[in-house]
């Protein structure tokens, strides 16, 4: 409710991709957080911040995404969904989508 953002960096190991015969076991780190009513958890792939677009055809980048989430976190989740989705397409305009985009938000 105070608007504090905590960014948790994901593991370097990917969930998908081709199986590397030399390295079947991937290293993931368990992380636990105490959440309270009103907290929001966003999970997303790198496809959103890596998308090229805008007036100069540059990447959206994490700093811009963090600012976007800060600006909309107090809105209802359906409004956030619509804003995040429309913002992506406004940013990329007619440029090709460079990667898959997964974005999920959950309000506790």
Protein backbone atom coordinates (compact mmCIF):
# COMPACT_ATOMS: atom_id res chain seq x y z
CA UNK A 1 0.00 0.00 0.00
CA UNK A 2 2.98 2.31 0.49
CA UNK A 3 4.08 1.78 -3.09
CA UNK A 4 7.47 0.25 -2.21
CA UNK A 5 8.85 -1.86 -5.04
CA UNK A 6 10.96 -4.91 -4.33
CA UNK A 7 12.57 -6.33 -7.45
CA UNK A 8 13.57 -9.99 -7.24
CA UNK A 9 15.99 -11.06 -9.93
CA UNK A 10 15.24 -14.44 -11.46
CA UNK A 11 17.66 -17.32 -11.85
CA UNK A 12 19.94 -17.37 -14.88
CA UNK A 13 18.62 -20.84 -15.73
CA UNK A 14 15.68 -20.79 -18.08
CA UNK A 15 12.58 -22.89 -17.57
CA UNK A 16 12.32 -23.91 -21.22
CA UNK A 17 14.72 -24.44 -24.07
CA UNK A 18 16.69 -27.42 -25.24
CA UNK A 19 17.92 -29.96 -22.77
CA UNK A 20 21.68 -29.77 -22.31
CA UNK A 21 22.93 -33.36 -21.96
CA UNK A 22 25.90 -32.25 -19.86
CA UNK A 23 23.71 -30.33 -17.45
CA UNK A 24 20.34 -31.91 -16.81
CA UNK A 25 19.90 -30.36 -13.34
CA UNK A 26 19.32 -26.62 -13.41
CA UNK A 27 20.09 -24.46 -10.41
CA UNK A 28 17.16 -22.46 -9.06
CA UNK A 29 17.13 -20.53 -5.79
CA UNK A 30 14.04 -20.66 -3.55
CA UNK A 31 12.99 -17.26 -2.28
CA UNK A 32 10.27 -16.59 0.28
CA UNK A 33 8.49 -13.35 1.12
CA UNK A 34 5.84 -12.38 3.64
CA UNK A 35 2.96 -10.80 1.76
CA UNK A 36 0.05 -8.90 3.21
CA UNK A 37 -3.39 -7.93 1.99
CA UNK A 38 -3.13 -5.33 -0.76
CA UNK A 39 0.38 -6.33 -1.88
CA UNK A 40 0.79 -6.97 -5.59
CA UNK A 41 3.11 -9.53 -7.13
CA UNK A 42 4.07 -9.03 -10.78
CA UNK A 43 5.87 -11.76 -12.70
CA UNK A 44 7.01 -11.29 -16.25
CA UNK A 45 9.40 -12.58 -18.86
CA UNK A 46 12.12 -10.45 -20.40
CA UNK A 47 10.05 -10.03 -23.57
CA UNK A 48 8.33 -6.87 -22.32
CA UNK A 49 11.41 -4.85 -21.28
CA UNK A 50 13.41 -6.17 -24.27
CA UNK A 51 10.83 -5.00 -26.83
CA UNK A 52 12.07 -2.39 -29.28
CA UNK A 53 9.87 0.60 -30.00
CA UNK A 54 9.12 4.17 -29.03
CA UNK A 55 10.16 7.20 -31.06
CA UNK A 56 13.80 6.05 -31.33
CA UNK A 57 13.24 2.30 -31.80
CA UNK A 58 14.97 1.42 -28.53
CA UNK A 59 14.28 -1.23 -25.89
CA UNK A 60 11.54 -0.55 -23.34
CA UNK A 61 13.98 -1.49 -20.51
CA UNK A 62 13.44 -2.36 -16.85
CA UNK A 63 13.62 1.19 -15.51
CA UNK A 64 10.70 2.22 -17.71
CA UNK A 65 8.74 -0.91 -16.71
CA UNK A 66 9.34 -0.28 -12.99
CA UNK A 67 8.12 3.30 -13.43
CA UNK A 68 5.04 2.09 -15.30
CA UNK A 69 4.18 -0.35 -12.48
CA UNK A 70 4.77 2.33 -9.86
CA UNK A 71 2.35 4.62 -11.69
CA UNK A 72 -0.48 2.07 -11.98
CA UNK A 73 -0.14 -0.13 -8.87
CA UNK A 74 -3.08 1.53 -7.09
CA UNK A 75 -5.52 0.96 -9.96
CA UNK A 76 -7.86 -2.06 -10.16
CA UNK A 77 -6.19 -5.12 -11.66
CA UNK A 78 -8.35 -5.13 -14.80
CA UNK A 79 -7.31 -1.53 -15.50
CA UNK A 80 -3.67 -2.46 -14.92
CA UNK A 81 -4.01 -5.35 -17.37
CA UNK A 82 -5.50 -3.11 -20.05
CA UNK A 83 -2.86 -0.42 -19.48
CA UNK A 84 0.10 -2.84 -19.55
CA UNK A 85 -1.21 -4.52 -22.70
CA UNK A 86 -2.05 -1.34 -24.61
CA UNK A 87 1.23 0.28 -23.54
CA UNK A 88 3.17 -2.66 -25.02
CA UNK A 89 1.49 -2.31 -28.41
CA UNK A 90 1.79 1.49 -28.39
CA UNK A 91 5.51 1.12 -27.63
CA UNK A 92 6.30 -1.47 -30.30
CA UNK A 93 4.03 0.14 -32.92
CA UNK A 94 4.74 -1.62 -36.23
CA UNK A 95 8.07 -3.13 -35.14
CA UNK A 96 8.36 -6.90 -34.92
CA UNK A 97 7.79 -8.49 -31.52
CA UNK A 98 11.25 -9.73 -30.50
CA UNK A 99 10.34 -12.37 -27.91
CA UNK A 100 7.49 -14.07 -26.12
CA UNK A 101 5.82 -11.84 -23.54
CA UNK A 102 4.45 -13.21 -20.30
CA UNK A 103 3.06 -10.77 -17.74
CA UNK A 104 1.09 -11.68 -14.63
CA UNK A 105 -0.10 -9.55 -11.73
CA UNK A 106 -1.75 -10.81 -8.54
CA UNK A 107 -3.16 -8.60 -5.80
CA UNK A 108 -3.18 -10.35 -2.40
